[in-house]
């Protein structure tokens, strides 16, 4: 993480290495830290906690052993309907256990075999999505009393402001020393009101939601308010074919 930040944003981060003697500077947070790489006692806290406190998004560590992956640790702040504390120690199939349909068609069997072959220096990424009420990043089970009741507050009048599409950019890196996999998650929220400003996006969202199997809608927690979303989007979908890809196909946003 230090090497990537220093290379990609040199105006904000500096990393100087002299053998095992490292000097890390994080200008936005006013951190100036000299430490010995590999010696945790030279940092103010455990190395994984130290650097993930300075990085955006969530991070989990999956150790590879016995031809499987196990959740052995992490630093999370924006969990979407899952709990790191609950998943710690689980195998790949165990922590994906609640996902409907995919197990029956072998999705996770193939995904595990793919990830077990992940090579150092060749990270991969994927996208995942769900929906969230209000622009709230943390929708973890531990904090359900704070956000769960919001699902019952959606009405035809406020649906465009309250409902947000939540997209997760998930990245997986093979670590060079432990051979574990670092799994990073960056979350992005956009309101239905803003999606509606892009013709292609509002039509595609309508078609995805209309074709979503009921089991997946239930799993993603959409059932309480999805009818309000699809009803609103349906009025603006003429059924015309859409181009492939995510590009908006328009040069300006209507006010």
C-alpha atoms as a PDB file:
ATOM      1  CA  UNK A   1       0.000   0.000   0.000  1.00  0.00           C
ATOM      2  CA  UNK A   2       2.841   2.388   0.834  1.00  0.00           C
ATOM      3  CA  UNK A   3       4.622   1.660  -2.433  1.00  0.00           C
ATOM      4  CA  UNK A   4       1.441   2.148  -4.467  1.00  0.00           C
ATOM      5  CA  UNK A   5       0.451   5.412  -2.777  1.00  0.00           C
ATOM      6  CA  UNK A   6       3.960   6.858  -3.127  1.00  0.00           C
ATOM      7  CA  UNK A   7       4.121   5.893  -6.814  1.00  0.00           C
ATOM      8  CA  UNK A   8       0.619   7.040  -7.753  1.00  0.00           C
ATOM      9  CA  UNK A   9       0.351  10.196  -5.593  1.00  0.00           C
ATOM     10  CA  UNK A  10       3.903  11.504  -5.039  1.00  0.00           C
ATOM     11  CA  UNK A  11       2.564  14.930  -4.121  1.00  0.00           C
ATOM     12  CA  UNK A  12       0.875  13.417  -1.059  1.00  0.00           C
ATOM     13  CA  UNK A  13       3.004  10.397  -0.066  1.00  0.00           C
ATOM     14  CA  UNK A  14       6.737   9.643   0.078  1.00  0.00           C
ATOM     15  CA  UNK A  15       8.444   6.327   0.764  1.00  0.00           C
ATOM     16  CA  UNK A  16      12.230   6.132   1.095  1.00  0.00           C
ATOM     17  CA  UNK A  17      13.855   2.732   1.550  1.00  0.00           C
ATOM     18  CA  UNK A  18      17.421   2.002   2.624  1.00  0.00           C
ATOM     19  CA  UNK A  19      17.499  -1.742   3.056  1.00  0.00           C
ATOM     20  CA  UNK A  20      15.203  -2.522   5.985  1.00  0.00           C
ATOM     21  CA  UNK A  21      15.170   1.123   7.095  1.00  0.00           C
ATOM     22  CA  UNK A  22      12.036   2.747   5.697  1.00  0.00           C
ATOM     23  CA  UNK A  23      10.838   6.335   5.937  1.00  0.00           C
ATOM     24  CA  UNK A  24       7.132   6.924   5.282  1.00  0.00           C
ATOM     25  CA  UNK A  25       5.566  10.380   4.937  1.00  0.00           C
ATOM     26  CA  UNK A  26       1.803  10.871   4.631  1.00  0.00           C
ATOM     27  CA  UNK A  27       1.331  14.591   4.014  1.00  0.00           C
ATOM     28  CA  UNK A  28      -2.508  14.741   4.235  1.00  0.00           C
ATOM     29  CA  UNK A  29      -2.424  13.165   7.719  1.00  0.00           C
ATOM     30  CA  UNK A  30       0.853  14.791   8.813  1.00  0.00           C
ATOM     31  CA  UNK A  31       2.473  11.409   9.465  1.00  0.00           C
ATOM     32  CA  UNK A  32       6.270  11.164   9.340  1.00  0.00           C
ATOM     33  CA  UNK A  33       7.366   7.683  10.371  1.00  0.00           C
ATOM     34  CA  UNK A  34      10.744   5.961  10.314  1.00  0.00           C
ATOM     35  CA  UNK A  35      10.656   2.222  10.964  1.00  0.00           C
ATOM     36  CA  UNK A  36      12.472  -1.023  10.333  1.00  0.00           C
ATOM     37  CA  UNK A  37      10.669  -3.188   7.795  1.00  0.00           C
ATOM     38  CA  UNK A  38       9.821  -6.515   9.409  1.00  0.00           C
ATOM     39  CA  UNK A  39      10.135  -5.198  12.963  1.00  0.00           C
ATOM     40  CA  UNK A  40       6.638  -4.444  14.216  1.00  0.00           C
ATOM     41  CA  UNK A  41       8.013  -2.887  17.406  1.00  0.00           C
ATOM     42  CA  UNK A  42       9.228   0.125  15.375  1.00  0.00           C
ATOM     43  CA  UNK A  43       5.651   1.117  14.481  1.00  0.00           C
ATOM     44  CA  UNK A  44       3.051   2.637  16.836  1.00  0.00           C
ATOM     45  CA  UNK A  45       0.654  -0.276  16.196  1.00  0.00           C
ATOM     46  CA  UNK A  46       0.527  -3.551  14.268  1.00  0.00           C
ATOM     47  CA  UNK A  47       1.716  -3.065  10.633  1.00  0.00           C
ATOM     48  CA  UNK A  48      -1.549  -4.092   8.975  1.00  0.00           C
ATOM     49  CA  UNK A  49      -3.565  -1.796  11.222  1.00  0.00           C
ATOM     50  CA  UNK A  50      -1.027   1.009  10.808  1.00  0.00           C
ATOM     51  CA  UNK A  51      -1.260   1.257   7.030  1.00  0.00           C
ATOM     52  CA  UNK A  52      -4.936   0.379   6.543  1.00  0.00           C
ATOM     53  CA  UNK A  53      -5.845   3.212   8.913  1.00  0.00           C
ATOM     54  CA  UNK A  54      -4.330   5.474   6.252  1.00  0.00           C
ATOM     55  CA  UNK A  55      -6.033   3.874   3.242  1.00  0.00           C
ATOM     56  CA  UNK A  56      -9.586   4.215   1.960  1.00  0.00           C
ATOM     57  CA  UNK A  57     -11.904   1.256   1.796  1.00  0.00           C
ATOM     58  CA  UNK A  58     -12.063  -2.095   3.537  1.00  0.00           C
ATOM     59  CA  UNK A  59      -9.370  -4.762   3.606  1.00  0.00           C
ATOM     60  CA  UNK A  60      -9.444  -8.442   4.504  1.00  0.00           C
ATOM     61  CA  UNK A  61      -6.704 -11.064   4.471  1.00  0.00           C
ATOM     62  CA  UNK A  62      -7.394 -14.529   3.098  1.00  0.00           C
ATOM     63  CA  UNK A  63      -4.749 -17.097   3.996  1.00  0.00           C
ATOM     64  CA  UNK A  64      -4.302 -19.999   1.575  1.00  0.00           C
ATOM     65  CA  UNK A  65      -3.991 -23.433   3.159  1.00  0.00           C
ATOM     66  CA  UNK A  66      -5.372 -26.939   2.601  1.00  0.00           C
ATOM     67  CA  UNK A  67      -6.421 -25.964  -0.954  1.00  0.00           C
ATOM     68  CA  UNK A  68      -8.776 -23.328   0.417  1.00  0.00           C
ATOM     69  CA  UNK A  69      -8.932 -19.674   1.486  1.00  0.00           C
ATOM     70  CA  UNK A  70      -9.702 -18.573   5.043  1.00  0.00           C
ATOM     71  CA  UNK A  71     -10.567 -15.123   6.382  1.00  0.00           C
ATOM     72  CA  UNK A  72      -7.791 -14.525   8.899  1.00  0.00           C
ATOM     73  CA  UNK A  73      -8.041 -10.781   9.494  1.00  0.00           C
ATOM     74  CA  UNK A  74      -9.104  -7.419   8.237  1.00  0.00           C
ATOM     75  CA  UNK A  75      -9.753  -3.731   8.755  1.00  0.00           C
ATOM     76  CA  UNK A  76     -13.262  -2.669   7.776  1.00  0.00           C
ATOM     77  CA  UNK A  77     -15.475   0.389   8.180  1.00  0.00           C
ATOM     78  CA  UNK A  78     -17.997   0.121   5.312  1.00  0.00           C
ATOM     79  CA  UNK A  79     -19.396  -3.416   5.439  1.00  0.00           C
ATOM     80  CA  UNK A  80     -22.531  -3.964   3.353  1.00  0.00           C
ATOM     81  CA  UNK A  81     -24.712  -6.552   5.084  1.00  0.00           C
ATOM     82  CA  UNK A  82     -21.787  -8.715   6.211  1.00  0.00           C
ATOM     83  CA  UNK A  83     -19.710  -8.929   9.364  1.00  0.00           C
ATOM     84  CA  UNK A  84     -15.956  -9.389   9.520  1.00  0.00           C
ATOM     85  CA  UNK A  85     -16.207 -10.430  13.159  1.00  0.00           C
ATOM     86  CA  UNK A  86     -18.664 -13.184  12.215  1.00  0.00           C
ATOM     87  CA  UNK A  87     -16.689 -14.327   9.129  1.00  0.00           C
ATOM     88  CA  UNK A  88     -13.257 -14.529  10.782  1.00  0.00           C
ATOM     89  CA  UNK A  89     -11.893 -18.058  10.427  1.00  0.00           C
ATOM     90  CA  UNK A  90     -14.429 -19.141   7.812  1.00  0.00           C
ATOM     91  CA  UNK A  91     -13.443 -20.901   4.594  1.00  0.00           C
ATOM     92  CA  UNK A  92     -14.274 -19.491   1.148  1.00  0.00           C
ATOM     93  CA  UNK A  93     -17.525 -21.460   0.775  1.00  0.00           C
ATOM     94  CA  UNK A  94     -18.552 -20.817   4.378  1.00  0.00           C
ATOM     95  CA  UNK A  95     -18.416 -17.026   4.184  1.00  0.00           C
ATOM     96  CA  UNK A  96     -20.268 -17.098   0.857  1.00  0.00           C
ATOM     97  CA  UNK A  97     -22.830 -19.506   2.283  1.00  0.00           C
ATOM     98  CA  UNK A  98     -25.774 -17.039   2.393  1.00  0.00           C
ATOM     99  CA  UNK A  99     -25.555 -16.230  -1.342  1.00  0.00           C
ATOM    100  CA  UNK A 100     -28.492 -17.918  -3.141  1.00  0.00           C
ATOM    101  CA  UNK A 101     -28.431 -19.757  -6.489  1.00  0.00           C
ATOM    102  CA  UNK A 102     -24.683 -19.402  -7.114  1.00  0.00           C
ATOM    103  CA  UNK A 103     -23.682 -22.493  -5.127  1.00  0.00           C
ATOM    104  CA  UNK A 104     -26.008 -24.747  -7.109  1.00  0.00           C
ATOM    105  CA  UNK A 105     -24.427 -23.803 -10.432  1.00  0.00           C
ATOM    106  CA  UNK A 106     -20.857 -24.026  -9.178  1.00  0.00           C
ATOM    107  CA  UNK A 107     -19.949 -20.339  -9.227  1.00  0.00           C
ATOM    108  CA  UNK A 108     -17.983 -20.461  -5.997  1.00  0.00           C
ATOM    109  CA  UNK A 109     -16.242 -23.718  -6.881  1.00  0.00           C
ATOM    110  CA  UNK A 110     -14.855 -22.071 -10.010  1.00  0.00           C
ATOM    111  CA  UNK A 111     -14.099 -18.783  -8.231  1.00  0.00           C
ATOM    112  CA  UNK A 112     -12.077 -20.563  -5.549  1.00  0.00           C
ATOM    113  CA  UNK A 113      -9.999 -22.447  -8.098  1.00  0.00           C
ATOM    114  CA  UNK A 114      -9.365 -19.193  -9.946  1.00  0.00           C
ATOM    115  CA  UNK A 115      -8.237 -17.356  -6.817  1.00  0.00           C
ATOM    116  CA  UNK A 116      -5.990 -20.193  -5.660  1.00  0.00           C
ATOM    117  CA  UNK A 117      -4.057 -19.632  -8.890  1.00  0.00           C
ATOM    118  CA  UNK A 118      -3.751 -15.876  -8.415  1.00  0.00           C
ATOM    119  CA  UNK A 119      -0.151 -14.831  -9.068  1.00  0.00           C
ATOM    120  CA  UNK A 120       1.967 -12.211  -7.352  1.00  0.00           C
ATOM    121  CA  UNK A 121       2.209  -9.080  -9.488  1.00  0.00           C
ATOM    122  CA  UNK A 122      -1.020  -9.844 -11.356  1.00  0.00           C
ATOM    123  CA  UNK A 123      -3.898  -8.490  -9.252  1.00  0.00           C
ATOM    124  CA  UNK A 124      -7.483  -8.837 -10.421  1.00  0.00           C
ATOM    125  CA  UNK A 125     -10.650  -6.904  -9.733  1.00  0.00           C
ATOM    126  CA  UNK A 126     -14.389  -7.315  -9.982  1.00  0.00           C
ATOM    127  CA  UNK A 127     -17.522  -5.284  -9.326  1.00  0.00           C
ATOM    128  CA  UNK A 128     -20.352  -6.077  -6.960  1.00  0.00           C
ATOM    129  CA  UNK A 129     -23.526  -4.121  -6.318  1.00  0.00           C
ATOM    130  CA  UNK A 130     -26.467  -3.728  -3.994  1.00  0.00           C
ATOM    131  CA  UNK A 131     -28.675  -0.829  -2.904  1.00  0.00           C
ATOM    132  CA  UNK A 132     -28.644   1.289   0.232  1.00  0.00           C
ATOM    133  CA  UNK A 133     -31.142   3.666   1.767  1.00  0.00           C
ATOM    134  CA  UNK A 134     -29.635   7.105   2.373  1.00  0.00           C
ATOM    135  CA  UNK A 135     -25.936   7.772   1.643  1.00  0.00           C
ATOM    136  CA  UNK A 136     -24.714   5.492   4.413  1.00  0.00           C
ATOM    137  CA  UNK A 137     -21.479   3.538   3.927  1.00  0.00           C
ATOM    138  CA  UNK A 138     -21.680   1.258   6.980  1.00  0.00           C
ATOM    139  CA  UNK A 139     -24.602  -1.161   6.757  1.00  0.00           C
ATOM    140  CA  UNK A 140     -23.084  -3.910   8.884  1.00  0.00           C
ATOM    141  CA  UNK A 141     -25.223  -6.333  10.938  1.00  0.00           C
ATOM    142  CA  UNK A 142     -23.692  -4.928  14.127  1.00  0.00           C
ATOM    143  CA  UNK A 143     -25.215  -1.533  13.330  1.00  0.00           C
ATOM    144  CA  UNK A 144     -28.532  -2.770  11.942  1.00  0.00           C
ATOM    145  CA  UNK A 145     -30.586  -0.729  14.472  1.00  0.00           C
ATOM    146  CA  UNK A 146     -29.073   2.420  12.941  1.00  0.00           C
ATOM    147  CA  UNK A 147     -29.864   1.681   9.293  1.00  0.00           C
ATOM    148  CA  UNK A 148     -32.305  -1.226   9.076  1.00  0.00           C
ATOM    149  CA  UNK A 149     -35.457   0.794   9.821  1.00  0.00           C
ATOM    150  CA  UNK A 150     -34.611   3.143   6.919  1.00  0.00           C
ATOM    151  CA  UNK A 151     -35.781   0.465   4.476  1.00  0.00           C
ATOM    152  CA  UNK A 152     -39.349   1.014   5.636  1.00  0.00           C
ATOM    153  CA  UNK A 153     -39.224   4.777   5.044  1.00  0.00           C
ATOM    154  CA  UNK A 154     -39.124   4.703   1.228  1.00  0.00           C
ATOM    155  CA  UNK A 155     -42.213   6.112  -0.504  1.00  0.00           C
ATOM    156  CA  UNK A 156     -43.041   6.976  -4.128  1.00  0.00           C
ATOM    157  CA  UNK A 157     -42.409  10.601  -3.202  1.00  0.00           C
ATOM    158  CA  UNK A 158     -38.913  10.198  -1.711  1.00  0.00           C
ATOM    159  CA  UNK A 159     -37.593   7.115  -3.518  1.00  0.00           C
ATOM    160  CA  UNK A 160     -35.324   9.084  -5.869  1.00  0.00           C
ATOM    161  CA  UNK A 161     -33.592  10.852  -2.992  1.00  0.00           C
ATOM    162  CA  UNK A 162     -33.393   7.980  -0.504  1.00  0.00           C
ATOM    163  CA  UNK A 163     -32.447   4.959  -2.612  1.00  0.00           C
ATOM    164  CA  UNK A 164     -28.779   4.711  -3.618  1.00  0.00           C
ATOM    165  CA  UNK A 165     -27.052   2.266  -5.909  1.00  0.00           C
ATOM    166  CA  UNK A 166     -24.014   0.902  -4.077  1.00  0.00           C
ATOM    167  CA  UNK A 167     -21.148  -0.364  -6.230  1.00  0.00           C
ATOM    168  CA  UNK A 168     -18.121  -2.100  -4.742  1.00  0.00           C
ATOM    169  CA  UNK A 169     -14.807  -2.153  -6.600  1.00  0.00           C
ATOM    170  CA  UNK A 170     -13.154  -5.290  -5.258  1.00  0.00           C
ATOM    171  CA  UNK A 171      -9.436  -5.932  -5.818  1.00  0.00           C
ATOM    172  CA  UNK A 172      -7.403  -9.024  -4.991  1.00  0.00           C
ATOM    173  CA  UNK A 173      -3.612  -9.016  -4.588  1.00  0.00           C
ATOM    174  CA  UNK A 174      -1.323 -11.967  -3.906  1.00  0.00           C
ATOM    175  CA  UNK A 175       1.095 -10.928  -1.147  1.00  0.00           C
ATOM    176  CA  UNK A 176       4.755 -11.769  -1.807  1.00  0.00           C
ATOM    177  CA  UNK A 177       5.882 -12.937   1.642  1.00  0.00           C
ATOM    178  CA  UNK A 178       2.899 -14.651   3.259  1.00  0.00           C
ATOM    179  CA  UNK A 179       1.282 -15.853  -0.014  1.00  0.00           C
ATOM    180  CA  UNK A 180      -2.021 -14.670   1.437  1.00  0.00           C
ATOM    181  CA  UNK A 181      -4.501 -12.666  -0.628  1.00  0.00           C
ATOM    182  CA  UNK A 182      -5.287  -9.067   0.236  1.00  0.00           C
ATOM    183  CA  UNK A 183      -8.911  -8.346  -0.630  1.00  0.00           C
ATOM    184  CA  UNK A 184      -9.720  -4.639  -0.908  1.00  0.00           C
ATOM    185  CA  UNK A 185     -13.195  -3.124  -1.249  1.00  0.00           C
ATOM    186  CA  UNK A 186     -13.946   0.466  -2.275  1.00  0.00           C
ATOM    187  CA  UNK A 187     -17.608   1.505  -2.088  1.00  0.00           C
ATOM    188  CA  UNK A 188     -19.294   4.143  -4.237  1.00  0.00           C
ATOM    189  CA  UNK A 189     -22.831   5.468  -3.785  1.00  0.00           C
ATOM    190  CA  UNK A 190     -25.053   7.267  -6.274  1.00  0.00           C
ATOM    191  CA  UNK A 191     -28.660   8.253  -5.693  1.00  0.00           C
ATOM    192  CA  UNK A 192     -31.483   7.123  -7.933  1.00  0.00           C
ATOM    193  CA  UNK A 193     -32.088  10.813  -8.624  1.00  0.00           C
ATOM    194  CA  UNK A 194     -28.606  11.130 -10.138  1.00  0.00           C
ATOM    195  CA  UNK A 195     -28.874   7.850 -12.049  1.00  0.00           C
ATOM    196  CA  UNK A 196     -32.025   9.151 -13.692  1.00  0.00           C
ATOM    197  CA  UNK A 197     -30.012  11.983 -15.267  1.00  0.00           C
ATOM    198  CA  UNK A 198     -28.210   9.438 -17.465  1.00  0.00           C
ATOM    199  CA  UNK A 199     -30.679   7.832 -19.880  1.00  0.00           C
ATOM    200  CA  UNK A 200     -28.678   4.646 -20.402  1.00  0.00           C
ATOM    201  CA  UNK A 201     -28.094   4.063 -16.701  1.00  0.00           C
ATOM    202  CA  UNK A 202     -31.717   4.535 -15.632  1.00  0.00           C
ATOM    203  CA  UNK A 203     -32.961   2.164 -18.359  1.00  0.00           C
ATOM    204  CA  UNK A 204     -30.357  -0.470 -17.566  1.00  0.00           C
ATOM    205  CA  UNK A 205     -31.052  -0.300 -13.833  1.00  0.00           C
ATOM    206  CA  UNK A 206     -34.747  -0.777 -14.510  1.00  0.00           C
ATOM    207  CA  UNK A 207     -34.098  -3.853 -16.670  1.00  0.00           C
ATOM    208  CA  UNK A 208     -31.662  -5.374 -14.183  1.00  0.00           C
ATOM    209  CA  UNK A 209     -34.084  -4.980 -11.303  1.00  0.00           C
ATOM    210  CA  UNK A 210     -37.034  -6.319 -13.305  1.00  0.00           C
ATOM    211  CA  UNK A 211     -35.054  -9.452 -14.229  1.00  0.00           C
ATOM    212  CA  UNK A 212     -33.502 -10.019 -10.801  1.00  0.00           C
ATOM    213  CA  UNK A 213     -34.458 -13.426  -9.334  1.00  0.00           C
ATOM    214  CA  UNK A 214     -36.567 -13.050  -6.170  1.00  0.00           C
ATOM    215  CA  UNK A 215     -33.952 -14.952  -4.162  1.00  0.00           C
ATOM    216  CA  UNK A 216     -31.288 -12.398  -5.049  1.00  0.00           C
ATOM    217  CA  UNK A 217     -33.591  -9.466  -4.338  1.00  0.00           C
ATOM    218  CA  UNK A 218     -34.246 -10.928  -0.891  1.00  0.00           C
ATOM    219  CA  UNK A 219     -30.541 -11.600  -0.313  1.00  0.00           C
ATOM    220  CA  UNK A 220     -29.625  -8.024  -1.240  1.00  0.00           C
ATOM    221  CA  UNK A 221     -32.366  -6.663   1.031  1.00  0.00           C
ATOM    222  CA  UNK A 222     -34.275  -4.910  -1.756  1.00  0.00           C
ATOM    223  CA  UNK A 223     -37.751  -6.354  -1.342  1.00  0.00           C
ATOM    224  CA  UNK A 224     -39.191  -3.654   0.928  1.00  0.00           C
ATOM    225  CA  UNK A 225     -38.681  -0.850  -1.577  1.00  0.00           C
ATOM    226  CA  UNK A 226     -37.839  -2.356  -4.974  1.00  0.00           C
ATOM    227  CA  UNK A 227     -41.386  -1.931  -6.276  1.00  0.00           C
ATOM    228  CA  UNK A 228     -41.113   1.827  -5.715  1.00  0.00           C
ATOM    229  CA  UNK A 229     -37.815   1.926  -7.643  1.00  0.00           C
ATOM    230  CA  UNK A 230     -38.979  -0.147 -10.611  1.00  0.00           C
ATOM    231  CA  UNK A 231     -42.286   1.694 -10.837  1.00  0.00           C
ATOM    232  CA  UNK A 232     -40.489   5.025 -11.061  1.00  0.00           C
ATOM    233  CA  UNK A 233     -37.918   3.802 -13.610  1.00  0.00           C
ATOM    234  CA  UNK A 234     -40.451   1.972 -15.774  1.00  0.00           C
ATOM    235  CA  UNK A 235     -42.116   5.217 -16.808  1.00  0.00           C
ATOM    236  CA  UNK A 236     -38.849   6.383 -18.408  1.00  0.00           C
ATOM    237  CA  UNK A 237     -37.883   3.126 -20.163  1.00  0.00           C
ATOM    238  CA  UNK A 238     -39.094   2.847 -23.752  1.00  0.00           C
ATOM    239  CA  UNK A 239     -37.493  -0.570 -24.247  1.00  0.00           C
ATOM    240  CA  UNK A 240     -35.041   0.658 -26.893  1.00  0.00           C
ATOM    241  CA  UNK A 241     -31.768  -1.308 -27.211  1.00  0.00           C
ATOM    242  CA  UNK A 242     -28.816  -0.035 -25.156  1.00  0.00           C
ATOM    243  CA  UNK A 243     -25.141   0.002 -26.078  1.00  0.00           C
ATOM    244  CA  UNK A 244     -22.713  -2.293 -24.317  1.00  0.00           C
ATOM    245  CA  UNK A 245     -20.379  -0.993 -21.645  1.00  0.00           C
ATOM    246  CA  UNK A 246     -20.811   1.552 -18.878  1.00  0.00           C
ATOM    247  CA  UNK A 247     -20.186   4.735 -20.880  1.00  0.00           C
ATOM    248  CA  UNK A 248     -23.114   7.159 -20.496  1.00  0.00           C
ATOM    249  CA  UNK A 249     -23.551   7.847 -24.246  1.00  0.00           C
ATOM    250  CA  UNK A 250     -24.430  11.501 -23.576  1.00  0.00           C
ATOM    251  CA  UNK A 251     -22.259  14.578 -23.349  1.00  0.00           C
ATOM    252  CA  UNK A 252     -24.147  16.550 -20.714  1.00  0.00           C
ATOM    253  CA  UNK A 253     -26.364  16.014 -17.680  1.00  0.00           C
ATOM    254  CA  UNK A 254     -29.831  17.547 -17.652  1.00  0.00           C
ATOM    255  CA  UNK A 255     -30.536  19.853 -14.744  1.00  0.00           C
END
